[in-house]
Amino acid sequence: MTPKKGFTIGLFVSGILVFLILVGILIVGLSSYEGHCISFEPPERPCNVIEFLIPYLLLLIVYSIIEKPILFLILLILILMPPVIGYLIGKRKSSVGLEE
């Protein structure tokens, strides 16, 4: 395994992790959807699901960065670890001579 192949596999694993995290967030967001948009003004206007979820995701990301920076850093590290580990494993296997 070359370092490039290991890195590519790690990126694929990170992509799956990001997808699963987004699916979980979207499920929570959909469970709180009541037919109207998130608004800071008193009259809430009706909107569809997409118009509700985009501000919901943005507000959740900003909130997690400001209020829970440790959780955000842990998630960032978990997303960045697979490509680094894949690269290191590929580099070790290519230097030892364990090519497939």
N, C-alpha and C. Protein backbone atom coordinates (compact mmCIF):
# COMPACT_ATOMS: atom_id res chain seq x y z
N MET A 1 0.85 -1.17 0.00
CA MET A 1 0.00 0.00 0.00
C MET A 1 0.90 1.24 0.00
N THR A 2 0.62 2.13 -0.92
CA THR A 2 1.40 3.37 -0.97
C THR A 2 0.79 4.39 -0.01
N PRO A 3 1.57 5.39 0.38
CA PRO A 3 1.00 6.42 1.26
C PRO A 3 -0.21 7.12 0.65
N LYS A 4 -0.19 7.29 -0.70
CA LYS A 4 -1.31 7.94 -1.36
C LYS A 4 -2.58 7.11 -1.25
N LYS A 5 -2.44 5.79 -1.40
CA LYS A 5 -3.61 4.91 -1.30
C LYS A 5 -4.15 4.89 0.13
N GLY A 6 -3.26 4.85 1.11
CA GLY A 6 -3.69 4.89 2.51
C GLY A 6 -4.40 6.19 2.85
N PHE A 7 -3.86 7.30 2.33
CA PHE A 7 -4.49 8.60 2.55
C PHE A 7 -5.86 8.65 1.91
N THR A 8 -6.00 8.09 0.71
CA THR A 8 -7.28 8.07 0.00
C THR A 8 -8.31 7.25 0.77
N ILE A 9 -7.90 6.11 1.29
CA ILE A 9 -8.81 5.29 2.09
C ILE A 9 -9.22 6.06 3.35
N GLY A 10 -8.28 6.76 3.97
CA GLY A 10 -8.60 7.57 5.15
C GLY A 10 -9.57 8.69 4.83
N LEU A 11 -9.41 9.33 3.67
CA LEU A 11 -10.36 10.37 3.27
C LEU A 11 -11.76 9.79 3.06
N PHE A 12 -11.82 8.60 2.51
CA PHE A 12 -13.11 7.93 2.32
C PHE A 12 -13.78 7.66 3.67
N VAL A 13 -13.01 7.17 4.63
CA VAL A 13 -13.55 6.91 5.97
C VAL A 13 -14.01 8.22 6.62
N SER A 14 -13.24 9.30 6.45
CA SER A 14 -13.63 10.60 7.00
C SER A 14 -14.91 11.10 6.34
N GLY A 15 -15.04 10.89 5.04
CA GLY A 15 -16.26 11.28 4.35
C GLY A 15 -17.48 10.55 4.89
N ILE A 16 -17.30 9.27 5.18
CA ILE A 16 -18.40 8.49 5.76
C ILE A 16 -18.74 9.02 7.15
N LEU A 17 -17.73 9.36 7.95
CA LEU A 17 -17.99 9.93 9.28
C LEU A 17 -18.76 11.24 9.19
N VAL A 18 -18.35 12.12 8.28
CA VAL A 18 -19.05 13.40 8.11
C VAL A 18 -20.49 13.16 7.67
N PHE A 19 -20.68 12.23 6.76
CA PHE A 19 -22.03 11.90 6.29
C PHE A 19 -22.90 11.40 7.44
N LEU A 20 -22.37 10.51 8.27
CA LEU A 20 -23.15 9.98 9.39
C LEU A 20 -23.47 11.06 10.42
N ILE A 21 -22.52 11.96 10.67
CA ILE A 21 -22.78 13.06 11.60
C ILE A 21 -23.88 13.96 11.05
N LEU A 22 -23.81 14.28 9.76
CA LEU A 22 -24.85 15.13 9.15
C LEU A 22 -26.21 14.47 9.14
N VAL A 23 -26.24 13.17 8.90
CA VAL A 23 -27.52 12.46 8.92
C VAL A 23 -28.13 12.51 10.32
N GLY A 24 -27.29 12.33 11.34
CA GLY A 24 -27.78 12.41 12.72
C GLY A 24 -28.32 13.79 13.04
N ILE A 25 -27.60 14.83 12.62
CA ILE A 25 -28.05 16.20 12.87
C ILE A 25 -29.35 16.48 12.12
N LEU A 26 -29.44 16.00 10.87
CA LEU A 26 -30.65 16.23 10.09
C LEU A 26 -31.86 15.51 10.68
N ILE A 27 -31.65 14.34 11.25
CA ILE A 27 -32.75 13.62 11.89
C ILE A 27 -33.26 14.39 13.09
N VAL A 28 -32.34 14.93 13.89
CA VAL A 28 -32.75 15.75 15.04
C VAL A 28 -33.45 17.01 14.56
N GLY A 29 -32.94 17.63 13.50
CA GLY A 29 -33.57 18.83 12.96
C GLY A 29 -34.96 18.56 12.42
N LEU A 30 -35.11 17.45 11.72
CA LEU A 30 -36.42 17.11 11.17
C LEU A 30 -37.44 16.80 12.26
N SER A 31 -36.97 16.26 13.37
CA SER A 31 -37.90 15.95 14.46
C SER A 31 -38.41 17.23 15.14
N SER A 32 -37.68 18.35 14.99
CA SER A 32 -38.13 19.60 15.59
C SER A 32 -38.83 20.53 14.59
N TYR A 33 -39.00 20.08 13.37
CA TYR A 33 -39.66 20.90 12.33
C TYR A 33 -41.16 20.94 12.58
N GLU A 34 -41.71 22.16 12.66
CA GLU A 34 -43.14 22.32 12.93
C GLU A 34 -43.86 23.09 11.82
N GLY A 35 -43.22 23.28 10.68
CA GLY A 35 -43.88 23.94 9.56
C GLY A 35 -43.56 25.41 9.41
N HIS A 36 -42.76 25.96 10.32
CA HIS A 36 -42.38 27.36 10.18
C HIS A 36 -40.88 27.52 10.35
N CYS A 37 -40.35 28.63 9.82
CA CYS A 37 -38.91 28.87 9.81
C CYS A 37 -38.40 29.35 11.16
N ILE A 38 -37.09 29.20 11.35
CA ILE A 38 -36.42 29.77 12.50
C ILE A 38 -36.33 31.27 12.26
N SER A 39 -36.88 32.04 13.18
CA SER A 39 -36.90 33.48 12.99
C SER A 39 -36.71 34.16 14.34
N PHE A 40 -36.01 35.29 14.31
CA PHE A 40 -35.82 36.05 15.53
C PHE A 40 -36.88 37.14 15.67
N GLU A 41 -37.74 37.22 14.70
CA GLU A 41 -38.83 38.19 14.72
C GLU A 41 -40.09 37.46 15.18
N PRO A 42 -41.00 38.16 15.86
CA PRO A 42 -42.21 37.50 16.40
C PRO A 42 -43.09 36.79 15.38
N PRO A 43 -43.44 37.37 14.23
CA PRO A 43 -44.30 36.58 13.32
C PRO A 43 -43.47 35.54 12.56
N GLU A 44 -43.69 34.30 12.87
CA GLU A 44 -42.95 33.23 12.18
C GLU A 44 -43.70 32.89 10.89
N ARG A 45 -42.95 32.80 9.80
CA ARG A 45 -43.57 32.55 8.51
C ARG A 45 -43.48 31.06 8.20
N PRO A 46 -44.45 30.51 7.49
CA PRO A 46 -44.37 29.11 7.08
C PRO A 46 -43.28 28.90 6.04
N CYS A 47 -42.64 27.77 6.08
CA CYS A 47 -41.59 27.47 5.10
C CYS A 47 -41.49 25.95 4.91
N ASN A 48 -40.77 25.56 3.87
CA ASN A 48 -40.58 24.13 3.63
C ASN A 48 -39.40 23.60 4.45
N VAL A 49 -39.13 22.32 4.34
CA VAL A 49 -38.12 21.67 5.16
C VAL A 49 -36.72 22.20 4.85
N ILE A 50 -36.39 22.41 3.59
CA ILE A 50 -35.05 22.87 3.22
C ILE A 50 -34.80 24.26 3.78
N GLU A 51 -35.79 25.16 3.68
CA GLU A 51 -35.64 26.51 4.24
C GLU A 51 -35.47 26.47 5.75
N PHE A 52 -35.98 25.44 6.40
CA PHE A 52 -35.81 25.28 7.84
C PHE A 52 -34.45 24.70 8.19
N LEU A 53 -34.00 23.69 7.43
CA LEU A 53 -32.78 22.96 7.81
C LEU A 53 -31.50 23.75 7.59
N ILE A 54 -31.41 24.59 6.56
CA ILE A 54 -30.17 25.32 6.30
C ILE A 54 -29.82 26.26 7.45
N PRO A 55 -30.73 27.13 7.91
CA PRO A 55 -30.37 27.96 9.08
C PRO A 55 -30.17 27.11 10.34
N TYR A 56 -30.91 26.01 10.46
CA TYR A 56 -30.76 25.13 11.61
C TYR A 56 -29.33 24.58 11.68
N LEU A 57 -28.81 24.10 10.55
CA LEU A 57 -27.44 23.57 10.53
C LEU A 57 -26.41 24.66 10.79
N LEU A 58 -26.60 25.84 10.19
CA LEU A 58 -25.65 26.93 10.41
C LEU A 58 -25.64 27.39 11.86
N LEU A 59 -26.82 27.54 12.45
CA LEU A 59 -26.88 27.94 13.85
C LEU A 59 -26.28 26.87 14.76
N LEU A 60 -26.48 25.61 14.43
CA LEU A 60 -25.92 24.54 15.23
C LEU A 60 -24.40 24.52 15.15
N ILE A 61 -23.85 24.77 13.97
CA ILE A 61 -22.39 24.81 13.82
C ILE A 61 -21.81 25.99 14.59
N VAL A 62 -22.42 27.17 14.45
CA VAL A 62 -21.92 28.34 15.18
C VAL A 62 -22.04 28.14 16.67
N TYR A 63 -23.15 27.58 17.13
CA TYR A 63 -23.34 27.32 18.55
C TYR A 63 -22.30 26.33 19.07
N SER A 64 -22.01 25.29 18.30
CA SER A 64 -21.04 24.30 18.77
C SER A 64 -19.63 24.86 18.83
N ILE A 65 -19.30 25.79 17.93
CA ILE A 65 -17.98 26.39 17.97
C ILE A 65 -17.86 27.35 19.15
N ILE A 66 -18.90 28.13 19.41
CA ILE A 66 -18.84 29.14 20.47
C ILE A 66 -19.05 28.53 21.85
N GLU A 67 -20.08 27.72 22.01
CA GLU A 67 -20.45 27.23 23.33
C GLU A 67 -19.76 25.91 23.72
N LYS A 68 -19.47 25.07 22.77
CA LYS A 68 -18.88 23.76 23.06
C LYS A 68 -17.62 23.56 22.22
N PRO A 69 -16.57 24.36 22.43
CA PRO A 69 -15.38 24.24 21.57
C PRO A 69 -14.66 22.90 21.75
N ILE A 70 -14.73 22.31 22.95
CA ILE A 70 -14.07 21.02 23.17
C ILE A 70 -14.73 19.94 22.33
N LEU A 71 -16.05 19.92 22.29
CA LEU A 71 -16.76 18.94 21.47
C LEU A 71 -16.44 19.15 19.99
N PHE A 72 -16.39 20.40 19.56
CA PHE A 72 -16.06 20.70 18.17
C PHE A 72 -14.65 20.23 17.84
N LEU A 73 -13.69 20.45 18.74
CA LEU A 73 -12.32 20.01 18.51
C LEU A 73 -12.21 18.49 18.48
N ILE A 74 -12.96 17.82 19.35
CA ILE A 74 -12.95 16.35 19.35
C ILE A 74 -13.48 15.83 18.01
N LEU A 75 -14.58 16.40 17.51
CA LEU A 75 -15.12 15.97 16.22
C LEU A 75 -14.14 16.27 15.09
N LEU A 76 -13.48 17.42 15.15
CA LEU A 76 -12.50 17.77 14.13
C LEU A 76 -11.33 16.79 14.13
N ILE A 77 -10.86 16.42 15.30
CA ILE A 77 -9.76 15.45 15.41
C ILE A 77 -10.21 14.09 14.88
N LEU A 78 -11.43 13.67 15.23
CA LEU A 78 -11.94 12.38 14.74
C LEU A 78 -12.06 12.36 13.21
N ILE A 79 -12.38 13.50 12.62
CA ILE A 79 -12.50 13.56 11.17
C ILE A 79 -11.13 13.58 10.51
N LEU A 80 -10.15 14.22 11.14
CA LEU A 80 -8.81 14.32 10.54
C LEU A 80 -7.93 13.09 10.80
N MET A 81 -8.26 12.26 11.78
CA MET A 81 -7.42 11.11 12.10
C MET A 81 -7.33 10.04 11.01
N PRO A 82 -8.42 9.61 10.39
CA PRO A 82 -8.31 8.52 9.41
C PRO A 82 -7.36 8.79 8.25
N PRO A 83 -7.35 10.00 7.62
CA PRO A 83 -6.38 10.20 6.54
C PRO A 83 -4.93 10.16 7.04
N VAL A 84 -4.68 10.73 8.21
CA VAL A 84 -3.31 10.72 8.75
C VAL A 84 -2.87 9.31 9.07
N ILE A 85 -3.74 8.54 9.71
CA ILE A 85 -3.40 7.15 10.05
C ILE A 85 -3.22 6.33 8.78
N GLY A 86 -4.08 6.53 7.78
CA GLY A 86 -3.94 5.81 6.52
C GLY A 86 -2.64 6.14 5.83
N TYR A 87 -2.25 7.40 5.84
CA TYR A 87 -0.98 7.81 5.23
C TYR A 87 0.19 7.15 5.96
N LEU A 88 0.16 7.19 7.30
CA LEU A 88 1.26 6.60 8.07
C LEU A 88 1.37 5.09 7.87
N ILE A 89 0.22 4.42 7.82
CA ILE A 89 0.24 2.96 7.58
C ILE A 89 0.77 2.68 6.18
N GLY A 90 0.33 3.45 5.18
CA GLY A 90 0.83 3.26 3.82
C GLY A 90 2.31 3.53 3.70
N LYS A 91 2.78 4.54 4.40
CA LYS A 91 4.20 4.87 4.35
C LYS A 91 5.03 3.76 5.01
N ARG A 92 4.53 3.24 6.12
CA ARG A 92 5.26 2.16 6.81
C ARG A 92 5.30 0.91 5.96
N LYS A 93 4.15 0.57 5.37
CA LYS A 93 4.14 -0.65 4.53
C LYS A 93 5.01 -0.50 3.29
N SER A 94 5.04 0.70 2.71
CA SER A 94 5.87 0.88 1.52
C SER A 94 7.35 0.90 1.87
N SER A 95 7.72 1.39 3.05
CA SER A 95 9.12 1.41 3.43
C SER A 95 9.61 0.04 3.87
N VAL A 96 8.74 -0.77 4.44
CA VAL A 96 9.10 -2.12 4.86
C VAL A 96 9.12 -3.05 3.65
N GLY A 97 8.35 -2.73 2.64
CA GLY A 97 8.32 -3.56 1.45
C GLY A 97 7.13 -4.51 1.42
N LEU A 98 6.09 -4.18 2.11
CA LEU A 98 4.89 -5.03 2.15
C LEU A 98 3.87 -4.61 1.10
N GLU A 99 4.32 -4.30 -0.07
CA GLU A 99 3.43 -3.90 -1.17
C GLU A 99 2.48 -5.04 -1.50
N GLU A 100 1.27 -4.66 -1.88
CA GLU A 100 0.27 -5.69 -2.24
C GLU A 100 0.42 -6.07 -3.69
